[in-house]
Structures are given as structure tokens and as C-alpha cells.
């Protein structure tokens, strides 16, 4: 935001000069124009102040949720193979392998749903 008091003073002086040159029949129009400029300046300052207080001026740095989902999927796939091999060799049986995969899929779904919040 450019807040230059000298610029504002020059604008007011220019409006007063224009009012003198145009005559009294244009006083209301010049005054309305000046009031509009003051209102715009106040509105700009309020917006800037609110944005600064809410942190909207700070650039948001983050990772796209698609990237996070892809990394999470690759990690789940990467750990699923060794876990499946360990469970199959130690416990054995199709039901234990099914439980491992159900747990991994459940973990992935919960993580993805958590990212949406």
C-alpha cells in the first residue's frame, strides 16, 4: 500500500484550485469528488489493515494435495510388500495377508480424508 501524505496533500490542493477556477457552481461536484477520494483511501487502508491482521499478505507456501496423496500412496505401496512378506512367512494364511492389506488401505483412506479438512 502506498501511503504518501504528500500525495494526498497535493490532491487536496489540486481540488481546491479546481474549485476556485470552476467557480461556486461546481463546489458541490468538487467536494463530492474529494469525499470519494477520501473514502477510497480509507477503504484501502482498512483492507490493508485487515489483510495484515489476518495474515493474508503472507504468501501461502504448501504442497498440493495431489502430491501428498501420491507420496502417501507410494509409501503405502512400498511398505505393503515387505509387511505382506513378513506376515505371510511368520503367520501364514490368506486371512492374515488380507488383514494387512485391509489395514494399509484403511490407513491410506483415513489419511486422504484427513487431508481434505
PDB file of N, CA and C in Angstrom:
ATOM      1  N   UNK A   1       0.853  -1.174   0.000  1.00  0.00           N
ATOM      2  CA  UNK A   1       0.000   0.000   0.000  1.00  0.00           C
ATOM      3  C   UNK A   1       0.889   1.224   0.000  1.00  0.00           C
ATOM      4  N   UNK A   2       0.585   2.178  -0.844  1.00  0.00           N
ATOM      5  CA  UNK A   2       1.360   3.395  -0.898  1.00  0.00           C
ATOM      6  C   UNK A   2       0.609   4.461  -0.116  1.00  0.00           C
ATOM      7  N   UNK A   3       1.150   4.799   1.042  1.00  0.00           N
ATOM      8  CA  UNK A   3       0.515   5.803   1.891  1.00  0.00           C
ATOM      9  C   UNK A   3       1.449   7.001   1.932  1.00  0.00           C
ATOM     10  N   UNK A   4       1.217   7.944   1.021  1.00  0.00           N
ATOM     11  CA  UNK A   4       2.076   9.095   0.895  1.00  0.00           C
ATOM     12  C   UNK A   4       1.288  10.344   1.275  1.00  0.00           C
ATOM     13  N   UNK A   5       1.550  10.915   2.456  1.00  0.00           N
ATOM     14  CA  UNK A   5       0.812  12.114   2.877  1.00  0.00           C
ATOM     15  C   UNK A   5       1.024  13.287   1.923  1.00  0.00           C
ATOM     16  N   UNK A   6       2.210  13.391   1.329  1.00  0.00           N
ATOM     17  CA  UNK A   6       2.489  14.477   0.390  1.00  0.00           C
ATOM     18  C   UNK A   6       1.567  14.382  -0.829  1.00  0.00           C
ATOM     19  N   UNK A   7       1.345  13.146  -1.310  1.00  0.00           N
ATOM     20  CA  UNK A   7       0.456  12.947  -2.466  1.00  0.00           C
ATOM     21  C   UNK A   7      -0.969  13.358  -2.131  1.00  0.00           C
ATOM     22  N   UNK A   8      -1.415  12.991  -0.918  1.00  0.00           N
ATOM     23  CA  UNK A   8      -2.770  13.345  -0.501  1.00  0.00           C
ATOM     24  C   UNK A   8      -2.922  14.861  -0.376  1.00  0.00           C
ATOM     25  N   UNK A   9      -1.901  15.521   0.150  1.00  0.00           N
ATOM     26  CA  UNK A   9      -1.936  16.972   0.292  1.00  0.00           C
ATOM     27  C   UNK A   9      -1.996  17.641  -1.075  1.00  0.00           C
ATOM     28  N   UNK A  10      -1.240  17.102  -2.042  1.00  0.00           N
ATOM     29  CA  UNK A  10      -1.251  17.649  -3.401  1.00  0.00           C
ATOM     30  C   UNK A  10      -2.610  17.465  -4.065  1.00  0.00           C
ATOM     31  N   UNK A  11      -3.255  16.311  -3.826  1.00  0.00           N
ATOM     32  CA  UNK A  11      -4.584  16.071  -4.398  1.00  0.00           C
ATOM     33  C   UNK A  11      -5.606  17.046  -3.826  1.00  0.00           C
ATOM     34  N   UNK A  12      -5.535  17.291  -2.535  1.00  0.00           N
ATOM     35  CA  UNK A  12      -6.473  18.239  -1.911  1.00  0.00           C
ATOM     36  C   UNK A  12      -6.230  19.649  -2.443  1.00  0.00           C
ATOM     37  N   UNK A  13      -4.964  20.023  -2.566  1.00  0.00           N
ATOM     38  CA  UNK A  13      -4.644  21.349  -3.096  1.00  0.00           C
ATOM     39  C   UNK A  13      -5.136  21.482  -4.535  1.00  0.00           C
ATOM     40  N   UNK A  14      -4.984  20.415  -5.332  1.00  0.00           N
ATOM     41  CA  UNK A  14      -5.456  20.457  -6.720  1.00  0.00           C
ATOM     42  C   UNK A  14      -6.975  20.577  -6.766  1.00  0.00           C
ATOM     43  N   UNK A  15      -7.670  19.916  -5.872  1.00  0.00           N
ATOM     44  CA  UNK A  15      -9.129  20.009  -5.832  1.00  0.00           C
ATOM     45  C   UNK A  15      -9.560  21.421  -5.450  1.00  0.00           C
ATOM     46  N   UNK A  16      -8.857  22.034  -4.516  1.00  0.00           N
ATOM     47  CA  UNK A  16      -9.193  23.412  -4.130  1.00  0.00           C
ATOM     48  C   UNK A  16      -8.927  24.392  -5.274  1.00  0.00           C
ATOM     49  N   UNK A  17      -7.823  24.193  -5.991  1.00  0.00           N
ATOM     50  CA  UNK A  17      -7.538  25.057  -7.147  1.00  0.00           C
ATOM     51  C   UNK A  17      -8.610  24.888  -8.221  1.00  0.00           C
ATOM     52  N   UNK A  18      -9.000  23.654  -8.463  1.00  0.00           N
ATOM     53  CA  UNK A  18     -10.042  23.395  -9.471  1.00  0.00           C
ATOM     54  C   UNK A  18     -11.344  24.045  -9.049  1.00  0.00           C
ATOM     55  N   UNK A  19     -11.637  23.988  -7.762  1.00  0.00           N
ATOM     56  CA  UNK A  19     -12.868  24.600  -7.268  1.00  0.00           C
ATOM     57  C   UNK A  19     -12.843  26.108  -7.487  1.00  0.00           C
ATOM     58  N   UNK A  20     -11.704  26.737  -7.223  1.00  0.00           N
ATOM     59  CA  UNK A  20     -11.585  28.196  -7.425  1.00  0.00           C
ATOM     60  C   UNK A  20     -11.717  28.553  -8.904  1.00  0.00           C
ATOM     61  N   UNK A  21     -11.086  27.741  -9.780  1.00  0.00           N
ATOM     62  CA  UNK A  21     -11.115  28.042 -11.209  1.00  0.00           C
ATOM     63  C   UNK A  21     -12.504  27.825 -11.801  1.00  0.00           C
ATOM     64  N   UNK A  22     -13.196  26.777 -11.345  1.00  0.00           N
ATOM     65  CA  UNK A  22     -14.501  26.456 -11.921  1.00  0.00           C
ATOM     66  C   UNK A  22     -15.603  27.358 -11.396  1.00  0.00           C
ATOM     67  N   UNK A  23     -15.429  27.872 -10.214  1.00  0.00           N
ATOM     68  CA  UNK A  23     -16.429  28.761  -9.649  1.00  0.00           C
ATOM     69  C   UNK A  23     -17.332  28.042  -8.658  1.00  0.00           C
ATOM     70  N   UNK A  24     -18.189  28.819  -7.973  1.00  0.00           N
ATOM     71  CA  UNK A  24     -19.014  28.257  -6.898  1.00  0.00           C
ATOM     72  C   UNK A  24     -20.063  27.250  -7.374  1.00  0.00           C
ATOM     73  N   UNK A  25     -20.454  27.296  -8.657  1.00  0.00           N
ATOM     74  CA  UNK A  25     -21.470  26.352  -9.130  1.00  0.00           C
ATOM     75  C   UNK A  25     -20.938  24.914  -9.187  1.00  0.00           C
ATOM     76  N   UNK A  26     -19.617  24.743  -9.153  1.00  0.00           N
ATOM     77  CA  UNK A  26     -19.025  23.399  -9.182  1.00  0.00           C
ATOM     78  C   UNK A  26     -18.483  22.952  -7.818  1.00  0.00           C
ATOM     79  N   UNK A  27     -18.726  23.761  -6.793  1.00  0.00           N
ATOM     80  CA  UNK A  27     -18.206  23.424  -5.461  1.00  0.00           C
ATOM     81  C   UNK A  27     -18.701  22.064  -4.976  1.00  0.00           C
ATOM     82  N   UNK A  28     -19.984  21.803  -5.189  1.00  0.00           N
ATOM     83  CA  UNK A  28     -20.535  20.519  -4.721  1.00  0.00           C
ATOM     84  C   UNK A  28     -19.907  19.335  -5.460  1.00  0.00           C
ATOM     85  N   UNK A  29     -19.687  19.466  -6.754  1.00  0.00           N
ATOM     86  CA  UNK A  29     -19.082  18.379  -7.530  1.00  0.00           C
ATOM     87  C   UNK A  29     -17.633  18.141  -7.104  1.00  0.00           C
ATOM     88  N   UNK A  30     -16.895  19.229  -6.879  1.00  0.00           N
ATOM     89  CA  UNK A  30     -15.505  19.093  -6.437  1.00  0.00           C
ATOM     90  C   UNK A  30     -15.466  18.478  -5.042  1.00  0.00           C
ATOM     91  N   UNK A  31     -16.366  18.908  -4.162  1.00  0.00           N
ATOM     92  CA  UNK A  31     -16.418  18.360  -2.806  1.00  0.00           C
ATOM     93  C   UNK A  31     -16.775  16.871  -2.844  1.00  0.00           C
ATOM     94  N   UNK A  32     -17.732  16.500  -3.699  1.00  0.00           N
ATOM     95  CA  UNK A  32     -18.118  15.086  -3.806  1.00  0.00           C
ATOM     96  C   UNK A  32     -16.953  14.247  -4.316  1.00  0.00           C
ATOM     97  N   UNK A  33     -16.201  14.775  -5.274  1.00  0.00           N
ATOM     98  CA  UNK A  33     -15.039  14.066  -5.794  1.00  0.00           C
ATOM     99  C   UNK A  33     -13.978  13.895  -4.705  1.00  0.00           C
ATOM    100  N   UNK A  34     -13.775  14.939  -3.922  1.00  0.00           N
ATOM    101  CA  UNK A  34     -12.800  14.878  -2.839  1.00  0.00           C
ATOM    102  C   UNK A  34     -13.221  13.883  -1.768  1.00  0.00           C
ATOM    103  N   UNK A  35     -14.505  13.879  -1.435  1.00  0.00           N
ATOM    104  CA  UNK A  35     -15.019  12.925  -0.446  1.00  0.00           C
ATOM    105  C   UNK A  35     -14.867  11.496  -0.961  1.00  0.00           C
ATOM    106  N   UNK A  36     -15.093  11.273  -2.245  1.00  0.00           N
ATOM    107  CA  UNK A  36     -14.943   9.940  -2.826  1.00  0.00           C
ATOM    108  C   UNK A  36     -13.491   9.470  -2.739  1.00  0.00           C
ATOM    109  N   UNK A  37     -12.560  10.375  -2.999  1.00  0.00           N
ATOM    110  CA  UNK A  37     -11.137  10.014  -2.887  1.00  0.00           C
ATOM    111  C   UNK A  37     -10.776   9.669  -1.441  1.00  0.00           C
ATOM    112  N   UNK A  38     -11.288  10.446  -0.508  1.00  0.00           N
ATOM    113  CA  UNK A  38     -11.010  10.172   0.905  1.00  0.00           C
ATOM    114  C   UNK A  38     -11.611   8.826   1.299  1.00  0.00           C
ATOM    115  N   UNK A  39     -12.835   8.555   0.859  1.00  0.00           N
ATOM    116  CA  UNK A  39     -13.468   7.261   1.148  1.00  0.00           C
ATOM    117  C   UNK A  39     -12.655   6.104   0.567  1.00  0.00           C
ATOM    118  N   UNK A  40     -12.182   6.258  -0.670  1.00  0.00           N
ATOM    119  CA  UNK A  40     -11.371   5.207  -1.293  1.00  0.00           C
ATOM    120  C   UNK A  40     -10.077   4.974  -0.521  1.00  0.00           C
ATOM    121  N   UNK A  41      -9.464   6.065  -0.072  1.00  0.00           N
ATOM    122  CA  UNK A  41      -8.225   5.942   0.696  1.00  0.00           C
ATOM    123  C   UNK A  41      -8.476   5.232   2.016  1.00  0.00           C
ATOM    124  N   UNK A  42      -9.557   5.602   2.687  1.00  0.00           N
ATOM    125  CA  UNK A  42      -9.893   4.949   3.960  1.00  0.00           C
ATOM    126  C   UNK A  42     -10.181   3.470   3.736  1.00  0.00           C
ATOM    127  N   UNK A  43     -10.944   3.152   2.695  1.00  0.00           N
ATOM    128  CA  UNK A  43     -11.271   1.757   2.398  1.00  0.00           C
ATOM    129  C   UNK A  43     -10.006   0.953   2.094  1.00  0.00           C
ATOM    130  N   UNK A  44      -9.084   1.547   1.350  1.00  0.00           N
ATOM    131  CA  UNK A  44      -7.822   0.876   1.032  1.00  0.00           C
ATOM    132  C   UNK A  44      -7.019   0.618   2.304  1.00  0.00           C
ATOM    133  N   UNK A  45      -6.976   1.588   3.197  1.00  0.00           N
ATOM    134  CA  UNK A  45      -6.238   1.408   4.453  1.00  0.00           C
ATOM    135  C   UNK A  45      -6.877   0.342   5.328  1.00  0.00           C
ATOM    136  N   UNK A  46      -8.196   0.326   5.394  1.00  0.00           N
ATOM    137  CA  UNK A  46      -8.882  -0.680   6.210  1.00  0.00           C
ATOM    138  C   UNK A  46      -8.633  -2.074   5.642  1.00  0.00           C
ATOM    139  N   UNK A  47      -8.734  -2.228   4.318  1.00  0.00           N
ATOM    140  CA  UNK A  47      -8.477  -3.533   3.693  1.00  0.00           C
ATOM    141  C   UNK A  47      -7.053  -3.996   3.971  1.00  0.00           C
ATOM    142  N   UNK A  48      -6.110  -3.075   3.862  1.00  0.00           N
ATOM    143  CA  UNK A  48      -4.718  -3.424   4.124  1.00  0.00           C
ATOM    144  C   UNK A  48      -4.525  -3.832   5.581  1.00  0.00           C
ATOM    145  N   UNK A  49      -5.140  -3.097   6.475  1.00  0.00           N
ATOM    146  CA  UNK A  49      -5.015  -3.408   7.905  1.00  0.00           C
ATOM    147  C   UNK A  49      -5.632  -4.771   8.225  1.00  0.00           C
ATOM    148  N   UNK A  50      -6.814  -5.043   7.688  1.00  0.00           N
ATOM    149  CA  UNK A  50      -7.474  -6.332   7.931  1.00  0.00           C
ATOM    150  C   UNK A  50      -6.662  -7.470   7.331  1.00  0.00           C
ATOM    151  N   UNK A  51      -6.141  -7.271   6.128  1.00  0.00           N
ATOM    152  CA  UNK A  51      -5.335  -8.314   5.488  1.00  0.00           C
ATOM    153  C   UNK A  51      -4.069  -8.579   6.293  1.00  0.00           C
ATOM    154  N   UNK A  52      -3.471  -7.524   6.827  1.00  0.00           N
ATOM    155  CA  UNK A  52      -2.263  -7.699   7.624  1.00  0.00           C
ATOM    156  C   UNK A  52      -2.562  -8.418   8.934  1.00  0.00           C
ATOM    157  N   UNK A  53      -3.702  -8.110   9.545  1.00  0.00           N
ATOM    158  CA  UNK A  53      -4.066  -8.741  10.815  1.00  0.00           C
ATOM    159  C   UNK A  53      -4.435 -10.207  10.636  1.00  0.00           C
ATOM    160  N   UNK A  54      -5.025 -10.555   9.498  1.00  0.00           N
ATOM    161  CA  UNK A  54      -5.418 -11.946   9.270  1.00  0.00           C
ATOM    162  C   UNK A  54      -4.319 -12.750   8.598  1.00  0.00           C
ATOM    163  N   UNK A  55      -3.228 -12.097   8.223  1.00  0.00           N
ATOM    164  CA  UNK A  55      -2.116 -12.806   7.614  1.00  0.00           C
ATOM    165  C   UNK A  55      -2.311 -13.069   6.133  1.00  0.00           C
ATOM    166  N   UNK A  56      -3.208 -12.367   5.477  1.00  0.00           N
ATOM    167  CA  UNK A  56      -3.472 -12.602   4.059  1.00  0.00           C
ATOM    168  C   UNK A  56      -2.341 -12.076   3.181  1.00  0.00           C
ATOM    169  N   UNK A  57      -1.504 -11.156   3.706  1.00  0.00           N
ATOM    170  CA  UNK A  57      -0.398 -10.634   2.916  1.00  0.00           C
ATOM    171  C   UNK A  57       0.722 -11.649   2.761  1.00  0.00           C
ATOM    172  N   UNK A  58       0.801 -12.610   3.685  1.00  0.00           N
ATOM    173  CA  UNK A  58       1.870 -13.586   3.638  1.00  0.00           C
ATOM    174  C   UNK A  58       1.585 -14.603   2.544  1.00  0.00           C
ATOM    175  N   UNK A  59       2.571 -14.891   1.716  1.00  0.00           N
ATOM    176  CA  UNK A  59       2.341 -15.898   0.681  1.00  0.00           C
ATOM    177  C   UNK A  59       2.176 -17.270   1.311  1.00  0.00           C
ATOM    178  N   UNK A  60       1.234 -17.993   0.802  1.00  0.00           N
ATOM    179  CA  UNK A  60       0.972 -19.327   1.333  1.00  0.00           C
ATOM    180  C   UNK A  60       1.857 -20.325   0.615  1.00  0.00           C
ATOM    181  N   UNK A  61       2.671 -20.981   1.410  1.00  0.00           N
ATOM    182  CA  UNK A  61       3.577 -21.975   0.861  1.00  0.00           C
ATOM    183  C   UNK A  61       3.073 -23.331   1.305  1.00  0.00           C
ATOM    184  N   UNK A  62       2.851 -24.190   0.367  1.00  0.00           N
ATOM    185  CA  UNK A  62       2.347 -25.507   0.707  1.00  0.00           C
ATOM    186  C   UNK A  62       2.541 -26.463  -0.446  1.00  0.00           C
ATOM    187  N   UNK A  63       2.203 -27.685  -0.180  1.00  0.00           N
ATOM    188  CA  UNK A  63       2.320 -28.725  -1.190  1.00  0.00           C
ATOM    189  C   UNK A  63       0.916 -29.052  -1.659  1.00  0.00           C
ATOM    190  N   UNK A  64       0.749 -29.245  -2.941  1.00  0.00           N
ATOM    191  CA  UNK A  64      -0.558 -29.590  -3.480  1.00  0.00           C
ATOM    192  C   UNK A  64      -1.012 -30.917  -2.898  1.00  0.00           C
ATOM    193  N   UNK A  65      -2.314 -31.013  -2.631  1.00  0.00           N
ATOM    194  CA  UNK A  65      -2.829 -32.229  -2.012  1.00  0.00           C
ATOM    195  C   UNK A  65      -2.650 -33.443  -2.918  1.00  0.00           C
ATOM    196  N   UNK A  66      -2.638 -33.232  -4.238  1.00  0.00           N
ATOM    197  CA  UNK A  66      -2.399 -34.363  -5.147  1.00  0.00           C
ATOM    198  C   UNK A  66      -0.993 -34.926  -4.955  1.00  0.00           C
ATOM    199  N   UNK A  67      -0.028 -34.065  -4.721  1.00  0.00           N
ATOM    200  CA  UNK A  67       1.338 -34.521  -4.484  1.00  0.00           C
ATOM    201  C   UNK A  67       1.411 -35.313  -3.187  1.00  0.00           C
ATOM    202  N   UNK A  68       0.758 -34.823  -2.155  1.00  0.00           N
ATOM    203  CA  UNK A  68       0.760 -35.509  -0.870  1.00  0.00           C
ATOM    204  C   UNK A  68       0.101 -36.878  -1.007  1.00  0.00           C
ATOM    205  N   UNK A  69      -1.017 -36.935  -1.729  1.00  0.00           N
ATOM    206  CA  UNK A  69      -1.693 -38.220  -1.933  1.00  0.00           C
ATOM    207  C   UNK A  69      -0.825 -39.207  -2.699  1.00  0.00           C
ATOM    208  N   UNK A  70      -0.110 -38.704  -3.704  1.00  0.00           N
ATOM    209  CA  UNK A  70       0.757 -39.587  -4.490  1.00  0.00           C
ATOM    210  C   UNK A  70       1.896 -40.128  -3.637  1.00  0.00           C
ATOM    211  N   UNK A  71       2.511 -39.270  -2.852  1.00  0.00           N
ATOM    212  CA  UNK A  71       3.602 -39.717  -1.976  1.00  0.00           C
ATOM    213  C   UNK A  71       3.076 -40.719  -0.965  1.00  0.00           C
ATOM    214  N   UNK A  72       1.917 -40.434  -0.395  1.00  0.00           N
ATOM    215  CA  UNK A  72       1.322 -41.345   0.576  1.00  0.00           C
ATOM    216  C   UNK A  72       1.002 -42.700  -0.060  1.00  0.00           C
ATOM    217  N   UNK A  73       0.505 -42.687  -1.280  1.00  0.00           N
ATOM    218  CA  UNK A  73       0.204 -43.944  -1.977  1.00  0.00           C
ATOM    219  C   UNK A  73       1.482 -44.736  -2.231  1.00  0.00           C
ATOM    220  N   UNK A  74       2.540 -44.054  -2.642  1.00  0.00           N
ATOM    221  CA  UNK A  74       3.804 -44.753  -2.884  1.00  0.00           C
ATOM    222  C   UNK A  74       4.395 -45.321  -1.601  1.00  0.00           C
ATOM    223  N   UNK A  75       4.288 -44.579  -0.508  1.00  0.00           N
ATOM    224  CA  UNK A  75       4.786 -45.080   0.774  1.00  0.00           C
ATOM    225  C   UNK A  75       3.989 -46.306   1.205  1.00  0.00           C
ATOM    226  N   UNK A  76       2.658 -46.226   1.094  1.00  0.00           N
ATOM    227  CA  UNK A  76       1.822 -47.378   1.455  1.00  0.00           C
ATOM    228  C   UNK A  76       2.176 -48.593   0.605  1.00  0.00           C
ATOM    229  N   UNK A  77       2.362 -48.380  -0.677  1.00  0.00           N
ATOM    230  CA  UNK A  77       2.724 -49.485  -1.553  1.00  0.00           C
ATOM    231  C   UNK A  77       4.112 -50.024  -1.210  1.00  0.00           C
ATOM    232  N   UNK A  78       5.030 -49.122  -0.905  1.00  0.00           N
ATOM    233  CA  UNK A  78       6.386 -49.529  -0.568  1.00  0.00           C
ATOM    234  C   UNK A  78       6.465 -50.346   0.714  1.00  0.00           C
ATOM    235  N   UNK A  79       5.656 -49.996   1.714  1.00  0.00           N
ATOM    236  CA  UNK A  79       5.706 -50.778   2.952  1.00  0.00           C
ATOM    237  C   UNK A  79       4.793 -51.994   2.903  1.00  0.00           C
ATOM    238  N   UNK A  80       3.855 -52.007   1.970  1.00  0.00           N
ATOM    239  CA  UNK A  80       2.921 -53.135   1.920  1.00  0.00           C
ATOM    240  C   UNK A  80       3.602 -54.429   1.478  1.00  0.00           C
ATOM    241  N   UNK A  81       4.568 -54.330   0.582  1.00  0.00           N
ATOM    242  CA  UNK A  81       5.234 -55.535   0.086  1.00  0.00           C
ATOM    243  C   UNK A  81       6.054 -56.222   1.191  1.00  0.00           C
ATOM    244  N   UNK A  82       6.919 -55.481   1.925  1.00  0.00           N
ATOM    245  CA  UNK A  82       7.646 -56.165   2.992  1.00  0.00           C
ATOM    246  C   UNK A  82       6.746 -56.658   4.121  1.00  0.00           C
ATOM    247  N   UNK A  83       5.740 -55.875   4.458  1.00  0.00           N
ATOM    248  CA  UNK A  83       4.829 -56.302   5.537  1.00  0.00           C
ATOM    249  C   UNK A  83       4.078 -57.564   5.123  1.00  0.00           C
ATOM    250  N   UNK A  84       3.633 -57.617   3.867  1.00  0.00           N
ATOM    251  CA  UNK A  84       2.945 -58.813   3.387  1.00  0.00           C
ATOM    252  C   UNK A  84       3.869 -60.027   3.445  1.00  0.00           C
ATOM    253  N   UNK A  85       5.111 -59.851   3.053  1.00  0.00           N
ATOM    254  CA  UNK A  85       6.067 -60.964   3.084  1.00  0.00           C
ATOM    255  C   UNK A  85       6.322 -61.422   4.517  1.00  0.00           C
ATOM    256  N   UNK A  86       6.459 -60.482   5.437  1.00  0.00           N
ATOM    257  CA  UNK A  86       6.709 -60.836   6.838  1.00  0.00           C
ATOM    258  C   UNK A  86       5.515 -61.568   7.430  1.00  0.00           C
ATOM    259  N   UNK A  87       4.321 -61.042   7.221  1.00  0.00           N
ATOM    260  CA  UNK A  87       3.118 -61.672   7.775  1.00  0.00           C
ATOM    261  C   UNK A  87       2.901 -63.048   7.155  1.00  0.00           C
ATOM    262  N   UNK A  88       3.120 -63.181   5.854  1.00  0.00           N
ATOM    263  CA  UNK A  88       2.910 -64.466   5.185  1.00  0.00           C
ATOM    264  C   UNK A  88       3.895 -65.521   5.682  1.00  0.00           C
ATOM    265  N   UNK A  89       5.140 -65.098   5.953  1.00  0.00           N
ATOM    266  CA  UNK A  89       6.124 -66.089   6.396  1.00  0.00           C
ATOM    267  C   UNK A  89       5.988 -66.426   7.878  1.00  0.00           C
ATOM    268  N   UNK A  90       5.617 -65.466   8.695  1.00  0.00           N
ATOM    269  CA  UNK A  90       5.509 -65.716  10.135  1.00  0.00           C
ATOM    270  C   UNK A  90       4.168 -66.334  10.531  1.00  0.00           C
ATOM    271  N   UNK A  91       3.097 -65.733  10.064  1.00  0.00           N
ATOM    272  CA  UNK A  91       1.764 -66.191  10.472  1.00  0.00           C
ATOM    273  C   UNK A  91       1.191 -67.143   9.432  1.00  0.00           C
ATOM    274  N   UNK A  92       1.327 -66.792   8.171  1.00  0.00           N
ATOM    275  CA  UNK A  92       0.807 -67.612   7.094  1.00  0.00           C
ATOM    276  C   UNK A  92      -0.695 -67.451   6.961  1.00  0.00           C
ATOM    277  N   UNK A  93      -1.200 -67.896   5.874  1.00  0.00           N
ATOM    278  CA  UNK A  93      -2.640 -67.864   5.654  1.00  0.00           C
ATOM    279  C   UNK A  93      -3.078 -66.634   4.895  1.00  0.00           C
ATOM    280  N   UNK A  94      -4.097 -66.858   4.104  1.00  0.00           N
ATOM    281  CA  UNK A  94      -4.640 -65.784   3.282  1.00  0.00           C
ATOM    282  C   UNK A  94      -5.357 -64.730   4.122  1.00  0.00           C
ATOM    283  N   UNK A  95      -5.940 -65.142   5.225  1.00  0.00           N
ATOM    284  CA  UNK A  95      -6.677 -64.188   6.066  1.00  0.00           C
ATOM    285  C   UNK A  95      -5.741 -63.148   6.678  1.00  0.00           C
ATOM    286  N   UNK A  96      -4.552 -63.538   7.107  1.00  0.00           N
ATOM    287  CA  UNK A  96      -3.613 -62.573   7.691  1.00  0.00           C
ATOM    288  C   UNK A  96      -3.109 -61.587   6.633  1.00  0.00           C
ATOM    289  N   UNK A  97      -2.877 -62.054   5.426  1.00  0.00           N
ATOM    290  CA  UNK A  97      -2.463 -61.167   4.339  1.00  0.00           C
ATOM    291  C   UNK A  97      -3.598 -60.200   4.007  1.00  0.00           C
ATOM    292  N   UNK A  98      -4.808 -60.708   3.976  1.00  0.00           N
ATOM    293  CA  UNK A  98      -5.971 -59.854   3.736  1.00  0.00           C
ATOM    294  C   UNK A  98      -6.077 -58.778   4.811  1.00  0.00           C
ATOM    295  N   UNK A  99      -5.841 -59.120   6.075  1.00  0.00           N
ATOM    296  CA  UNK A  99      -5.930 -58.159   7.174  1.00  0.00           C
ATOM    297  C   UNK A  99      -4.856 -57.064   7.038  1.00  0.00           C
ATOM    298  N   UNK A 100      -3.661 -57.454   6.610  1.00  0.00           N
ATOM    299  CA  UNK A 100      -2.591 -56.472   6.405  1.00  0.00           C
ATOM    300  C   UNK A 100      -2.993 -55.478   5.323  1.00  0.00           C
ATOM    301  N   UNK A 101      -3.473 -56.006   4.203  1.00  0.00           N
ATOM    302  CA  UNK A 101      -3.874 -55.120   3.108  1.00  0.00           C
ATOM    303  C   UNK A 101      -5.085 -54.266   3.475  1.00  0.00           C
ATOM    304  N   UNK A 102      -6.021 -54.806   4.202  1.00  0.00           N
ATOM    305  CA  UNK A 102      -7.180 -54.017   4.650  1.00  0.00           C
ATOM    306  C   UNK A 102      -6.723 -52.890   5.569  1.00  0.00           C
ATOM    307  N   UNK A 103      -5.762 -53.184   6.447  1.00  0.00           N
ATOM    308  CA  UNK A 103      -5.224 -52.141   7.327  1.00  0.00           C
ATOM    309  C   UNK A 103      -4.507 -51.045   6.564  1.00  0.00           C
ATOM    310  N   UNK A 104      -3.714 -51.418   5.571  1.00  0.00           N
ATOM    311  CA  UNK A 104      -3.000 -50.427   4.767  1.00  0.00           C
ATOM    312  C   UNK A 104      -3.968 -49.554   3.951  1.00  0.00           C
ATOM    313  N   UNK A 105      -4.962 -50.189   3.375  1.00  0.00           N
ATOM    314  CA  UNK A 105      -5.965 -49.424   2.607  1.00  0.00           C
ATOM    315  C   UNK A 105      -6.743 -48.507   3.543  1.00  0.00           C
ATOM    316  N   UNK A 106      -7.091 -49.008   4.718  1.00  0.00           N
ATOM    317  CA  UNK A 106      -7.786 -48.167   5.707  1.00  0.00           C
ATOM    318  C   UNK A 106      -6.941 -46.988   6.135  1.00  0.00           C
ATOM    319  N   UNK A 107      -5.643 -47.232   6.390  1.00  0.00           N
ATOM    320  CA  UNK A 107      -4.733 -46.144   6.746  1.00  0.00           C
ATOM    321  C   UNK A 107      -4.679 -45.097   5.643  1.00  0.00           C
ATOM    322  N   UNK A 108      -4.561 -45.538   4.399  1.00  0.00           N
ATOM    323  CA  UNK A 108      -4.490 -44.616   3.275  1.00  0.00           C
ATOM    324  C   UNK A 108      -5.767 -43.779   3.159  1.00  0.00           C
ATOM    325  N   UNK A 109      -6.915 -44.421   3.273  1.00  0.00           N
ATOM    326  CA  UNK A 109      -8.185 -43.697   3.158  1.00  0.00           C
ATOM    327  C   UNK A 109      -8.358 -42.685   4.281  1.00  0.00           C
ATOM    328  N   UNK A 110      -8.008 -43.067   5.489  1.00  0.00           N
ATOM    329  CA  UNK A 110      -8.122 -42.130   6.617  1.00  0.00           C
ATOM    330  C   UNK A 110      -7.185 -40.942   6.414  1.00  0.00           C
ATOM    331  N   UNK A 111      -5.976 -41.188   5.948  1.00  0.00           N
ATOM    332  CA  UNK A 111      -5.022 -40.111   5.711  1.00  0.00           C
ATOM    333  C   UNK A 111      -5.511 -39.173   4.614  1.00  0.00           C
ATOM    334  N   UNK A 112      -6.055 -39.722   3.536  1.00  0.00           N
ATOM    335  CA  UNK A 112      -6.546 -38.893   2.437  1.00  0.00           C
ATOM    336  C   UNK A 112      -7.743 -38.065   2.875  1.00  0.00           C
ATOM    337  N   UNK A 113      -8.640 -38.661   3.636  1.00  0.00           N
ATOM    338  CA  UNK A 113      -9.795 -37.901   4.135  1.00  0.00           C
ATOM    339  C   UNK A 113      -9.351 -36.827   5.108  1.00  0.00           C
ATOM    340  N   UNK A 114      -8.306 -37.091   5.877  1.00  0.00           N
ATOM    341  CA  UNK A 114      -7.768 -36.082   6.784  1.00  0.00           C
ATOM    342  C   UNK A 114      -7.157 -34.902   6.051  1.00  0.00           C
ATOM    343  N   UNK A 115      -6.612 -35.121   4.842  1.00  0.00           N
ATOM    344  CA  UNK A 115      -6.039 -34.047   4.057  1.00  0.00           C
ATOM    345  C   UNK A 115      -7.098 -33.070   3.565  1.00  0.00           C
ATOM    346  N   UNK A 116      -8.307 -33.539   3.389  1.00  0.00           N
ATOM    347  CA  UNK A 116      -9.375 -32.675   2.873  1.00  0.00           C
ATOM    348  C   UNK A 116      -9.869 -31.673   3.895  1.00  0.00           C
ATOM    349  N   UNK A 117      -9.555 -31.879   5.147  1.00  0.00           N
ATOM    350  CA  UNK A 117     -10.024 -30.967   6.203  1.00  0.00           C
ATOM    351  C   UNK A 117      -9.148 -29.795   6.334  1.00  0.00           C
TER     352      UNK A 117
END
